[in-house]
PDB file of N, CA and C in Angstrom:
ATOM      1  N   UNK A   1     -15.461  -9.155 -21.395  1.00  0.00           N
ATOM      2  CA  UNK A   1     -14.069  -8.961 -21.072  1.00  0.00           C
ATOM      3  C   UNK A   1     -13.257 -10.051 -21.775  1.00  0.00           C
ATOM      4  N   UNK A   2     -12.264  -9.642 -22.487  1.00  0.00           N
ATOM      5  CA  UNK A   2     -11.452 -10.606 -23.218  1.00  0.00           C
ATOM      6  C   UNK A   2     -10.405 -11.226 -22.301  1.00  0.00           C
ATOM      7  N   UNK A   3      -9.823 -12.299 -22.781  1.00  0.00           N
ATOM      8  CA  UNK A   3      -8.784 -12.982 -22.007  1.00  0.00           C
ATOM      9  C   UNK A   3      -7.553 -12.094 -21.841  1.00  0.00           C
ATOM     10  N   UNK A   4      -7.304 -11.240 -22.825  1.00  0.00           N
ATOM     11  CA  UNK A   4      -6.171 -10.310 -22.703  1.00  0.00           C
ATOM     12  C   UNK A   4      -6.357  -9.369 -21.514  1.00  0.00           C
ATOM     13  N   UNK A   5      -7.563  -8.841 -21.375  1.00  0.00           N
ATOM     14  CA  UNK A   5      -7.820  -7.925 -20.267  1.00  0.00           C
ATOM     15  C   UNK A   5      -7.798  -8.632 -18.922  1.00  0.00           C
ATOM     16  N   UNK A   6      -8.289  -9.863 -18.881  1.00  0.00           N
ATOM     17  CA  UNK A   6      -8.242 -10.631 -17.636  1.00  0.00           C
ATOM     18  C   UNK A   6      -6.788 -10.866 -17.227  1.00  0.00           C
ATOM     19  N   UNK A   7      -5.948 -11.236 -18.178  1.00  0.00           N
ATOM     20  CA  UNK A   7      -4.529 -11.427 -17.891  1.00  0.00           C
ATOM     21  C   UNK A   7      -3.858 -10.136 -17.457  1.00  0.00           C
ATOM     22  N   UNK A   8      -4.225  -9.029 -18.098  1.00  0.00           N
ATOM     23  CA  UNK A   8      -3.667  -7.726 -17.737  1.00  0.00           C
ATOM     24  C   UNK A   8      -4.046  -7.351 -16.309  1.00  0.00           C
ATOM     25  N   UNK A   9      -5.302  -7.531 -15.960  1.00  0.00           N
ATOM     26  CA  UNK A   9      -5.762  -7.192 -14.611  1.00  0.00           C
ATOM     27  C   UNK A   9      -5.121  -8.107 -13.575  1.00  0.00           C
ATOM     28  N   UNK A  10      -5.036  -9.396 -13.883  1.00  0.00           N
ATOM     29  CA  UNK A  10      -4.399 -10.332 -12.952  1.00  0.00           C
ATOM     30  C   UNK A  10      -2.926  -9.973 -12.756  1.00  0.00           C
ATOM     31  N   UNK A  11      -2.236  -9.624 -13.828  1.00  0.00           N
ATOM     32  CA  UNK A  11      -0.840  -9.213 -13.725  1.00  0.00           C
ATOM     33  C   UNK A  11      -0.677  -7.925 -12.939  1.00  0.00           C
ATOM     34  N   UNK A  12      -1.606  -7.000 -13.115  1.00  0.00           N
ATOM     35  CA  UNK A  12      -1.547  -5.740 -12.387  1.00  0.00           C
ATOM     36  C   UNK A  12      -1.789  -5.944 -10.894  1.00  0.00           C
ATOM     37  N   UNK A  13      -2.745  -6.806 -10.558  1.00  0.00           N
ATOM     38  CA  UNK A  13      -3.011  -7.091  -9.142  1.00  0.00           C
ATOM     39  C   UNK A  13      -1.808  -7.781  -8.506  1.00  0.00           C
ATOM     40  N   UNK A  14      -1.262  -8.769  -9.196  1.00  0.00           N
ATOM     41  CA  UNK A  14      -0.088  -9.474  -8.676  1.00  0.00           C
ATOM     42  C   UNK A  14       1.098  -8.521  -8.517  1.00  0.00           C
ATOM     43  N   UNK A  15       1.283  -7.638  -9.488  1.00  0.00           N
ATOM     44  CA  UNK A  15       2.387  -6.680  -9.421  1.00  0.00           C
ATOM     45  C   UNK A  15       2.189  -5.678  -8.285  1.00  0.00           C
ATOM     46  N   UNK A  16       0.954  -5.249  -8.050  1.00  0.00           N
ATOM     47  CA  UNK A  16       0.689  -4.298  -6.968  1.00  0.00           C
ATOM     48  C   UNK A  16       0.966  -4.923  -5.605  1.00  0.00           C
ATOM     49  N   UNK A  17       0.552  -6.177  -5.433  1.00  0.00           N
ATOM     50  CA  UNK A  17       0.814  -6.872  -4.170  1.00  0.00           C
ATOM     51  C   UNK A  17       2.316  -7.073  -3.987  1.00  0.00           C
ATOM     52  N   UNK A  18       2.985  -7.487  -5.048  1.00  0.00           N
ATOM     53  CA  UNK A  18       4.431  -7.695  -4.975  1.00  0.00           C
ATOM     54  C   UNK A  18       5.163  -6.375  -4.722  1.00  0.00           C
ATOM     55  N   UNK A  19       4.691  -5.294  -5.344  1.00  0.00           N
ATOM     56  CA  UNK A  19       5.282  -3.974  -5.121  1.00  0.00           C
ATOM     57  C   UNK A  19       5.162  -3.580  -3.650  1.00  0.00           C
ATOM     58  N   UNK A  20       3.989  -3.800  -3.070  1.00  0.00           N
ATOM     59  CA  UNK A  20       3.783  -3.454  -1.660  1.00  0.00           C
ATOM     60  C   UNK A  20       4.687  -4.286  -0.752  1.00  0.00           C
ATOM     61  N   UNK A  21       4.795  -5.577  -1.028  1.00  0.00           N
ATOM     62  CA  UNK A  21       5.635  -6.439  -0.194  1.00  0.00           C
ATOM     63  C   UNK A  21       7.115  -6.091  -0.314  1.00  0.00           C
ATOM     64  N   UNK A  22       7.583  -5.847  -1.537  1.00  0.00           N
ATOM     65  CA  UNK A  22       8.991  -5.498  -1.716  1.00  0.00           C
ATOM     66  C   UNK A  22       9.318  -4.133  -1.117  1.00  0.00           C
ATOM     67  N   UNK A  23       8.390  -3.192  -1.211  1.00  0.00           N
ATOM     68  CA  UNK A  23       8.601  -1.880  -0.614  1.00  0.00           C
ATOM     69  C   UNK A  23       8.641  -1.981   0.909  1.00  0.00           C
ATOM     70  N   UNK A  24       7.739  -2.788   1.470  1.00  0.00           N
ATOM     71  CA  UNK A  24       7.731  -2.985   2.914  1.00  0.00           C
ATOM     72  C   UNK A  24       9.023  -3.655   3.381  1.00  0.00           C
ATOM     73  N   UNK A  25       9.495  -4.629   2.623  1.00  0.00           N
ATOM     74  CA  UNK A  25      10.749  -5.293   2.961  1.00  0.00           C
ATOM     75  C   UNK A  25      11.922  -4.322   2.854  1.00  0.00           C
ATOM     76  N   UNK A  26      11.912  -3.465   1.839  1.00  0.00           N
ATOM     77  CA  UNK A  26      12.977  -2.485   1.668  1.00  0.00           C
ATOM     78  C   UNK A  26      13.041  -1.479   2.800  1.00  0.00           C
ATOM     79  N   UNK A  27      11.900  -1.131   3.363  1.00  0.00           N
ATOM     80  CA  UNK A  27      11.884  -0.193   4.487  1.00  0.00           C
ATOM     81  C   UNK A  27      12.489  -0.797   5.746  1.00  0.00           C
ATOM     82  N   UNK A  28      12.439  -2.102   5.860  1.00  0.00           N
ATOM     83  CA  UNK A  28      12.962  -2.755   7.060  1.00  0.00           C
ATOM     84  C   UNK A  28      14.474  -2.964   7.001  1.00  0.00           C
ATOM     85  N   UNK A  29      15.071  -2.801   5.831  1.00  0.00           N
ATOM     86  CA  UNK A  29      16.512  -3.018   5.682  1.00  0.00           C
ATOM     87  C   UNK A  29      17.277  -1.760   6.086  1.00  0.00           C
ATOM     88  N   UNK A  30      18.445  -1.981   6.676  1.00  0.00           N
ATOM     89  CA  UNK A  30      19.275  -0.864   7.121  1.00  0.00           C
ATOM     90  C   UNK A  30      20.217  -0.360   6.030  1.00  0.00           C
ATOM     91  N   UNK A  31      20.624  -1.229   5.127  1.00  0.00           N
ATOM     92  CA  UNK A  31      21.586  -0.854   4.091  1.00  0.00           C
ATOM     93  C   UNK A  31      20.874  -0.224   2.900  1.00  0.00           C
ATOM     94  N   UNK A  32      21.508   0.762   2.288  1.00  0.00           N
ATOM     95  CA  UNK A  32      20.895   1.467   1.165  1.00  0.00           C
ATOM     96  C   UNK A  32      20.973   0.667  -0.128  1.00  0.00           C
ATOM     97  N   UNK A  33      22.007  -0.153  -0.304  1.00  0.00           N
ATOM     98  CA  UNK A  33      22.180  -0.905  -1.546  1.00  0.00           C
ATOM     99  C   UNK A  33      21.045  -1.870  -1.828  1.00  0.00           C
ATOM    100  N   UNK A  34      20.773  -2.800  -0.918  1.00  0.00           N
ATOM    101  CA  UNK A  34      19.665  -3.732  -1.154  1.00  0.00           C
ATOM    102  C   UNK A  34      18.309  -3.033  -1.220  1.00  0.00           C
ATOM    103  N   UNK A  35      18.164  -1.946  -0.496  1.00  0.00           N
ATOM    104  CA  UNK A  35      16.902  -1.203  -0.535  1.00  0.00           C
ATOM    105  C   UNK A  35      16.649  -0.660  -1.939  1.00  0.00           C
ATOM    106  N   UNK A  36      17.691  -0.131  -2.568  1.00  0.00           N
ATOM    107  CA  UNK A  36      17.557   0.387  -3.929  1.00  0.00           C
ATOM    108  C   UNK A  36      17.281  -0.703  -4.943  1.00  0.00           C
ATOM    109  N   UNK A  37      17.923  -1.847  -4.761  1.00  0.00           N
ATOM    110  CA  UNK A  37      17.696  -2.977  -5.670  1.00  0.00           C
ATOM    111  C   UNK A  37      16.257  -3.470  -5.555  1.00  0.00           C
ATOM    112  N   UNK A  38      15.740  -3.552  -4.336  1.00  0.00           N
ATOM    113  CA  UNK A  38      14.352  -3.977  -4.146  1.00  0.00           C
ATOM    114  C   UNK A  38      13.384  -2.972  -4.762  1.00  0.00           C
ATOM    115  N   UNK A  39      13.689  -1.704  -4.658  1.00  0.00           N
ATOM    116  CA  UNK A  39      12.828  -0.666  -5.240  1.00  0.00           C
ATOM    117  C   UNK A  39      12.807  -0.773  -6.765  1.00  0.00           C
ATOM    118  N   UNK A  40      13.966  -0.946  -7.372  1.00  0.00           N
ATOM    119  CA  UNK A  40      14.040  -1.090  -8.828  1.00  0.00           C
ATOM    120  C   UNK A  40      13.321  -2.352  -9.278  1.00  0.00           C
ATOM    121  N   UNK A  41      13.512  -3.447  -8.550  1.00  0.00           N
ATOM    122  CA  UNK A  41      12.838  -4.700  -8.875  1.00  0.00           C
ATOM    123  C   UNK A  41      11.327  -4.536  -8.796  1.00  0.00           C
ATOM    124  N   UNK A  42      10.840  -3.847  -7.785  1.00  0.00           N
ATOM    125  CA  UNK A  42       9.403  -3.634  -7.631  1.00  0.00           C
ATOM    126  C   UNK A  42       8.837  -2.816  -8.789  1.00  0.00           C
ATOM    127  N   UNK A  43       9.555  -1.795  -9.218  1.00  0.00           N
ATOM    128  CA  UNK A  43       9.081  -0.955 -10.322  1.00  0.00           C
ATOM    129  C   UNK A  43       9.084  -1.730 -11.634  1.00  0.00           C
ATOM    130  N   UNK A  44      10.134  -2.509 -11.876  1.00  0.00           N
ATOM    131  CA  UNK A  44      10.202  -3.306 -13.109  1.00  0.00           C
ATOM    132  C   UNK A  44       9.070  -4.328 -13.147  1.00  0.00           C
ATOM    133  N   UNK A  45       8.799  -4.965 -12.009  1.00  0.00           N
ATOM    134  CA  UNK A  45       7.713  -5.942 -11.969  1.00  0.00           C
ATOM    135  C   UNK A  45       6.360  -5.274 -12.140  1.00  0.00           C
ATOM    136  N   UNK A  46       6.205  -4.061 -11.649  1.00  0.00           N
ATOM    137  CA  UNK A  46       4.953  -3.330 -11.812  1.00  0.00           C
ATOM    138  C   UNK A  46       4.676  -3.042 -13.287  1.00  0.00           C
ATOM    139  N   UNK A  47       5.717  -2.917 -14.071  1.00  0.00           N
ATOM    140  CA  UNK A  47       5.562  -2.697 -15.509  1.00  0.00           C
ATOM    141  C   UNK A  47       5.461  -4.023 -16.262  1.00  0.00           C
ATOM    142  N   UNK A  48       6.281  -5.002 -15.889  1.00  0.00           N
ATOM    143  CA  UNK A  48       6.387  -6.243 -16.660  1.00  0.00           C
ATOM    144  C   UNK A  48       5.217  -7.203 -16.440  1.00  0.00           C
ATOM    145  N   UNK A  49       4.722  -7.342 -15.212  1.00  0.00           N
ATOM    146  CA  UNK A  49       3.681  -8.335 -14.941  1.00  0.00           C
ATOM    147  C   UNK A  49       2.392  -8.093 -15.730  1.00  0.00           C
ATOM    148  N   UNK A  50       1.888  -6.846 -15.836  1.00  0.00           N
ATOM    149  CA  UNK A  50       0.693  -6.654 -16.667  1.00  0.00           C
ATOM    150  C   UNK A  50       0.932  -6.961 -18.149  1.00  0.00           C
ATOM    151  N   UNK A  51       2.124  -6.646 -18.644  1.00  0.00           N
ATOM    152  CA  UNK A  51       2.430  -6.949 -20.048  1.00  0.00           C
ATOM    153  C   UNK A  51       2.481  -8.453 -20.267  1.00  0.00           C
ATOM    154  N   UNK A  52       3.123  -9.164 -19.354  1.00  0.00           N
ATOM    155  CA  UNK A  52       3.178 -10.626 -19.450  1.00  0.00           C
ATOM    156  C   UNK A  52       1.776 -11.211 -19.336  1.00  0.00           C
ATOM    157  N   UNK A  53       0.961 -10.669 -18.422  1.00  0.00           N
ATOM    158  CA  UNK A  53      -0.417 -11.133 -18.267  1.00  0.00           C
ATOM    159  C   UNK A  53      -1.247 -10.917 -19.517  1.00  0.00           C
ATOM    160  N   UNK A  54      -1.005  -9.822 -20.223  1.00  0.00           N
ATOM    161  CA  UNK A  54      -1.728  -9.533 -21.466  1.00  0.00           C
ATOM    162  C   UNK A  54      -1.498 -10.640 -22.498  1.00  0.00           C
ATOM    163  N   UNK A  55      -0.264 -11.123 -22.578  1.00  0.00           N
ATOM    164  CA  UNK A  55       0.050 -12.152 -23.559  1.00  0.00           C
ATOM    165  C   UNK A  55      -0.258 -13.559 -23.062  1.00  0.00           C
ATOM    166  N   UNK A  56      -0.196 -13.800 -21.754  1.00  0.00           N
ATOM    167  CA  UNK A  56      -0.484 -15.135 -21.221  1.00  0.00           C
ATOM    168  C   UNK A  56      -1.977 -15.397 -21.040  1.00  0.00           C
ATOM    169  N   UNK A  57      -2.775 -14.356 -20.911  1.00  0.00           N
ATOM    170  CA  UNK A  57      -4.215 -14.511 -20.701  1.00  0.00           C
ATOM    171  C   UNK A  57      -4.900 -15.384 -21.740  1.00  0.00           C
ATOM    172  N   UNK A  58      -4.696 -15.143 -23.027  1.00  0.00           N
ATOM    173  CA  UNK A  58      -5.347 -15.990 -24.032  1.00  0.00           C
ATOM    174  C   UNK A  58      -4.892 -17.450 -23.987  1.00  0.00           C
ATOM    175  N   UNK A  59      -3.651 -17.685 -23.617  1.00  0.00           N
ATOM    176  CA  UNK A  59      -3.174 -19.066 -23.516  1.00  0.00           C
ATOM    177  C   UNK A  59      -3.827 -19.788 -22.345  1.00  0.00           C
ATOM    178  N   UNK A  60      -4.008 -19.091 -21.247  1.00  0.00           N
ATOM    179  CA  UNK A  60      -4.596 -19.715 -20.064  1.00  0.00           C
ATOM    180  C   UNK A  60      -6.101 -19.903 -20.194  1.00  0.00           C
ATOM    181  N   UNK A  61      -6.779 -18.988 -20.874  1.00  0.00           N
ATOM    182  CA  UNK A  61      -8.229 -19.051 -20.977  1.00  0.00           C
ATOM    183  C   UNK A  61      -8.714 -19.581 -22.317  1.00  0.00           C
ATOM    184  N   UNK A  62      -7.823 -20.035 -23.167  1.00  0.00           N
ATOM    185  CA  UNK A  62      -8.178 -20.781 -24.364  1.00  0.00           C
ATOM    186  C   UNK A  62      -8.700 -20.005 -25.544  1.00  0.00           C
ATOM    187  N   UNK A  63      -8.313 -18.766 -25.721  1.00  0.00           N
ATOM    188  CA  UNK A  63      -8.762 -18.022 -26.894  1.00  0.00           C
ATOM    189  C   UNK A  63      -7.838 -18.214 -28.090  1.00  0.00           C
ATOM    190  N   UNK A  64      -6.683 -18.805 -27.868  1.00  0.00           N
ATOM    191  CA  UNK A  64      -5.758 -19.043 -28.989  1.00  0.00           C
ATOM    192  C   UNK A  64      -5.726 -20.516 -29.281  1.00  0.00           C
TER     193      UNK A  64
END
């Protein structure tokens, strides 16, 4: 397993946990505005964290 894949998996796990927490927090809110913002933030992080992990993995594990 390369450092890129390790970073990708770590980013995906972190994004999934963050997605679950933000979604749970959004369900507890009464207002629709903040709920929508939390939902959009969760989706963006679900996409961005694995991509960031792909590029940060080699730096953290010393392949570059």
